[in-house]
Protein backbone atom coordinates (compact mmCIF):
# COMPACT_ATOMS: atom_id res chain seq x y z
CA MET A 1 -127.18 -205.28 -234.48
CA ALA A 2 -124.90 -208.09 -233.59
CA ASP A 3 -122.02 -205.72 -234.08
CA ALA A 4 -123.65 -203.25 -231.69
CA GLU A 5 -124.13 -205.97 -229.05
CA ASN A 6 -120.50 -207.13 -229.49
CA LYS A 7 -119.40 -203.53 -229.08
CA LYS A 8 -121.48 -203.20 -225.89
CA GLY A 9 -120.10 -206.51 -224.61
CA LYS A 10 -116.53 -205.43 -225.29
CA GLU A 11 -117.17 -202.04 -223.69
CA GLY A 12 -118.64 -203.79 -220.65
CA GLU A 13 -115.53 -205.96 -220.37
CA GLU A 14 -113.31 -202.90 -220.66
CA HIS A 15 -115.24 -201.20 -217.87
CA ALA A 16 -115.12 -204.36 -215.76
CA ALA A 17 -111.29 -204.48 -215.79
CA PRO A 18 -110.66 -201.24 -213.84
CA PRO A 19 -112.70 -202.35 -210.81
CA LYS A 20 -110.54 -205.50 -210.59
CA LYS A 21 -107.41 -203.32 -210.54
CA LYS A 22 -108.98 -201.09 -207.90
CA SER A 23 -109.89 -204.08 -205.78
CA LYS A 24 -106.34 -205.45 -206.09
CA LEU A 25 -104.89 -202.09 -205.03
CA LEU A 26 -107.36 -201.92 -202.16
CA LEU A 27 -106.41 -205.44 -201.07
CA ILE A 28 -102.67 -204.60 -201.25
CA GLY A 29 -103.30 -201.42 -199.25
CA ILE A 30 -105.20 -203.31 -196.57
CA ILE A 31 -102.45 -205.93 -196.35
CA ALA A 32 -99.79 -203.21 -196.06
CA VAL A 33 -101.71 -201.49 -193.25
CA VAL A 34 -102.14 -204.81 -191.40
CA VAL A 35 -98.42 -205.65 -191.77
CA LEU A 36 -97.42 -202.18 -190.54
CA GLY A 37 -99.85 -202.49 -187.64
CA ILE A 38 -98.41 -205.86 -186.64
CA GLY A 39 -94.88 -204.47 -186.92
CA ALA A 40 -95.72 -201.42 -184.81
CA GLY A 41 -97.50 -203.60 -182.24
CA GLY A 42 -94.46 -205.89 -182.06
CA PHE A 43 -92.14 -202.91 -181.68
CA PHE A 44 -94.13 -201.42 -178.81
CA PHE A 45 -94.49 -204.83 -177.15
CA MET A 46 -90.72 -205.43 -177.28
CA LYS A 47 -90.04 -201.86 -176.14
CA SER A 48 -92.31 -202.24 -173.11
CA LYS A 49 -90.74 -205.63 -172.36
CA SER A 50 -87.27 -204.03 -172.57
CA SER A 51 -88.38 -201.20 -170.27
CA ALA A 52 -89.67 -203.73 -167.76
CA LYS A 53 -86.34 -205.61 -167.83
CA LYS A 54 -84.45 -202.32 -167.45
CA ALA A 55 -86.59 -201.30 -164.48
CA HIS A 56 -86.07 -204.73 -162.94
CA GLY A 57 -82.30 -204.41 -163.52
CA GLU A 58 -82.30 -200.99 -161.84
CA GLU A 59 -84.07 -202.53 -158.83
CA GLU A 60 -81.32 -205.14 -158.62
CA VAL A 61 -78.63 -202.41 -158.78
CA ALA A 62 -80.44 -200.47 -156.06
CA ALA A 63 -80.56 -203.60 -153.91
CA THR A 64 -76.82 -204.13 -154.47
CA GLU A 65 -76.10 -200.53 -153.52
CA GLU A 66 -78.16 -200.88 -150.35
CA ALA A 67 -76.29 -204.04 -149.40
CA ALA A 68 -72.89 -202.45 -150.08
CA PRO A 69 -73.24 -198.66 -150.30
CA ALA A 70 -70.85 -196.93 -152.65
CA GLU A 71 -69.75 -193.34 -152.29
CA GLU A 72 -71.23 -191.08 -154.90
CA GLY A 73 -68.63 -189.30 -156.96
CA GLY A 74 -68.87 -185.67 -157.79
CA HIS A 75 -67.08 -183.66 -160.44
CA GLY A 76 -66.82 -186.33 -163.07
CA GLY A 77 -68.08 -189.70 -162.04
CA GLU A 78 -69.69 -192.02 -159.63
CA ALA A 79 -68.76 -195.32 -158.09
CA LYS A 80 -70.99 -198.36 -158.27
CA ALA A 81 -70.55 -201.60 -156.44
CA ALA A 82 -69.86 -204.56 -158.67
CA VAL A 83 -69.96 -208.29 -158.11
CA GLY A 84 -67.08 -209.45 -155.95
CA SER A 85 -64.53 -207.16 -154.36
CA ALA A 86 -64.01 -204.96 -157.43
CA THR A 87 -65.74 -201.61 -157.79
CA ILE A 88 -66.56 -199.79 -161.01
CA PHE A 89 -66.06 -196.02 -161.10
CA ASN A 90 -67.91 -194.22 -163.92
CA LEU A 91 -66.22 -191.16 -165.35
CA ASP A 92 -68.25 -188.54 -167.17
CA PRO A 93 -67.87 -188.63 -170.98
CA PHE A 94 -64.87 -186.98 -172.64
CA ILE A 95 -65.20 -185.02 -175.88
CA VAL A 96 -61.86 -183.98 -177.40
CA ASN A 97 -60.39 -182.92 -180.72
CA LEU A 98 -58.05 -185.49 -182.25
CA GLN A 99 -54.67 -184.59 -183.75
CA ASP A 100 -55.37 -185.13 -187.46
CA ASN A 101 -54.18 -183.39 -190.59
CA SER A 102 -57.15 -184.70 -192.54
CA GLY A 103 -59.53 -182.22 -190.95
CA THR A 104 -61.25 -181.80 -187.65
CA ARG A 105 -62.08 -185.07 -185.92
CA TYR A 106 -63.68 -185.48 -182.54
CA LEU A 107 -63.56 -188.33 -180.05
CA LYS A 108 -66.38 -188.93 -177.59
CA LEU A 109 -65.28 -191.46 -175.01
CA THR A 110 -66.92 -192.75 -171.85
CA VAL A 111 -64.61 -194.69 -169.54
CA ASN A 112 -65.44 -196.85 -166.53
CA LEU A 113 -62.58 -197.77 -164.23
CA GLU A 114 -62.40 -201.09 -162.41
CA LEU A 115 -60.83 -200.49 -159.02
CA ALA A 116 -58.88 -203.20 -157.19
CA SER A 117 -60.65 -202.28 -153.95
CA SER A 118 -63.22 -199.82 -152.72
CA ALA A 119 -60.43 -197.99 -150.85
CA ALA A 120 -59.61 -196.18 -154.10
CA GLN A 121 -63.06 -194.55 -154.35
CA PRO A 122 -62.42 -191.64 -151.97
CA GLU A 123 -59.01 -191.14 -153.52
CA ILE A 124 -60.44 -190.97 -157.05
CA ASN A 125 -63.23 -188.66 -155.87
CA ALA A 126 -60.65 -186.30 -154.39
CA GLN A 127 -58.46 -186.41 -157.53
CA THR A 128 -61.20 -186.39 -160.23
CA THR A 129 -60.25 -182.98 -161.60
CA GLN A 130 -56.58 -183.90 -161.97
CA ILE A 131 -57.44 -187.31 -163.46
CA ARG A 132 -59.83 -185.82 -166.02
CA ASP A 133 -57.25 -183.17 -166.95
CA SER A 134 -54.58 -185.81 -167.47
CA LEU A 135 -56.92 -187.97 -169.56
CA ILE A 136 -58.03 -185.03 -171.72
CA ILE A 137 -54.40 -184.24 -172.49
CA LEU A 138 -53.76 -187.90 -173.32
CA LEU A 139 -56.85 -188.29 -175.52
CA SER A 140 -56.35 -185.01 -177.40
CA SER A 141 -52.78 -186.03 -178.25
CA LYS A 142 -54.05 -189.06 -180.20
CA SER A 143 -54.78 -189.19 -183.90
CA TYR A 144 -57.31 -191.32 -185.71
CA THR A 145 -54.55 -193.60 -186.95
CA ASP A 146 -53.41 -194.13 -183.34
CA ILE A 147 -56.80 -195.25 -182.04
CA GLY A 148 -58.61 -196.39 -185.18
CA THR A 149 -57.48 -200.00 -184.75
CA VAL A 150 -58.25 -202.55 -182.05
CA GLU A 151 -54.59 -202.60 -181.03
CA GLY A 152 -54.65 -198.82 -180.73
CA LYS A 153 -57.68 -198.98 -178.45
CA TYR A 154 -55.98 -201.57 -176.22
CA GLN A 155 -52.85 -199.41 -176.05
CA MET A 156 -54.91 -196.34 -175.16
CA ARG A 157 -56.72 -198.35 -172.46
CA ASP A 158 -53.36 -199.28 -170.92
CA GLU A 159 -52.22 -195.65 -171.07
CA ILE A 160 -55.42 -194.53 -169.32
CA VAL A 161 -54.88 -197.06 -166.53
CA ALA A 162 -51.26 -195.95 -166.11
CA ARG A 163 -52.27 -192.25 -166.00
CA VAL A 164 -54.97 -192.80 -163.41
CA ASN A 165 -52.72 -195.01 -161.27
CA GLN A 166 -50.20 -192.13 -161.06
CA PHE A 167 -52.71 -190.31 -158.85
CA LEU A 168 -53.55 -193.24 -156.56
CA THR A 169 -51.53 -194.32 -153.52
CA LYS A 170 -53.87 -196.59 -151.51
CA SER A 171 -55.15 -198.78 -154.33
CA LYS A 172 -54.86 -199.13 -158.08
CA VAL A 173 -57.09 -199.32 -161.12
CA LYS A 174 -57.19 -202.83 -162.60
CA THR A 175 -58.48 -201.91 -166.03
CA ALA A 176 -60.52 -199.38 -167.96
CA TYR A 177 -63.66 -200.18 -169.92
CA PHE A 178 -64.82 -198.13 -172.89
CA THR A 179 -68.60 -197.91 -172.68
CA GLU A 180 -68.87 -195.33 -175.45
CA PHE A 181 -66.36 -194.74 -178.24
CA VAL A 182 -67.33 -192.45 -181.10
CA ILE A 183 -65.01 -190.80 -183.62
CA GLN A 184 -66.50 -188.24 -185.96
C-alpha cells in the first residue's frame, strides 16, 4: 500500500510539473505582448511627434515664402527662398543608366542648386529643359567607379555646377547639393 501511495504521489508530482511550464510560457507570452505594446506605443508617439514637427516646419517655410515669394518652377524644379540672399532651386530627380561593364546599374539623383541671387530663378526656369538634358548626358556618361567614392561625388558636383552655369548669364550657381543619391 505504501508503494501505491508513493506511486500516486510521484504521479501527482509529474502532473504538477506541466502546469508550471504552462504558467511560465503564459507569463513569457504576456511579457512579450506588453513589451511589443510599449514598443508600438513608443513608435506611434514618436511618429506623431515627428509629424507635428514636420507640420510646424512647413508652416515656417510657408511664412518664409510669404515674406519673400519665390517663383515656382515648372518643367523640372521649383525655387525656394533660403536664409540670407541665397536661393535654393530644386530639380526633379534624375534616373539614368550608368556606363558599367559589370551589368546594368542605375543612378537616382536629386539635386538642389544654390543660386548666388534670386535673379537666376527666371533664367533657370526658362532653361530647365536644356539644363536637365545636359545633366542627363553628364550623369549617364559616368560609371560606378567614377562616382562610387567621395572624391568622385565632389568632382561630379563641380561638373554639375559648371554645366548649369553655362546656361546662366545674369547670375551663377554657387554649389549643388545632393539630396538623394542611390546607385543600384
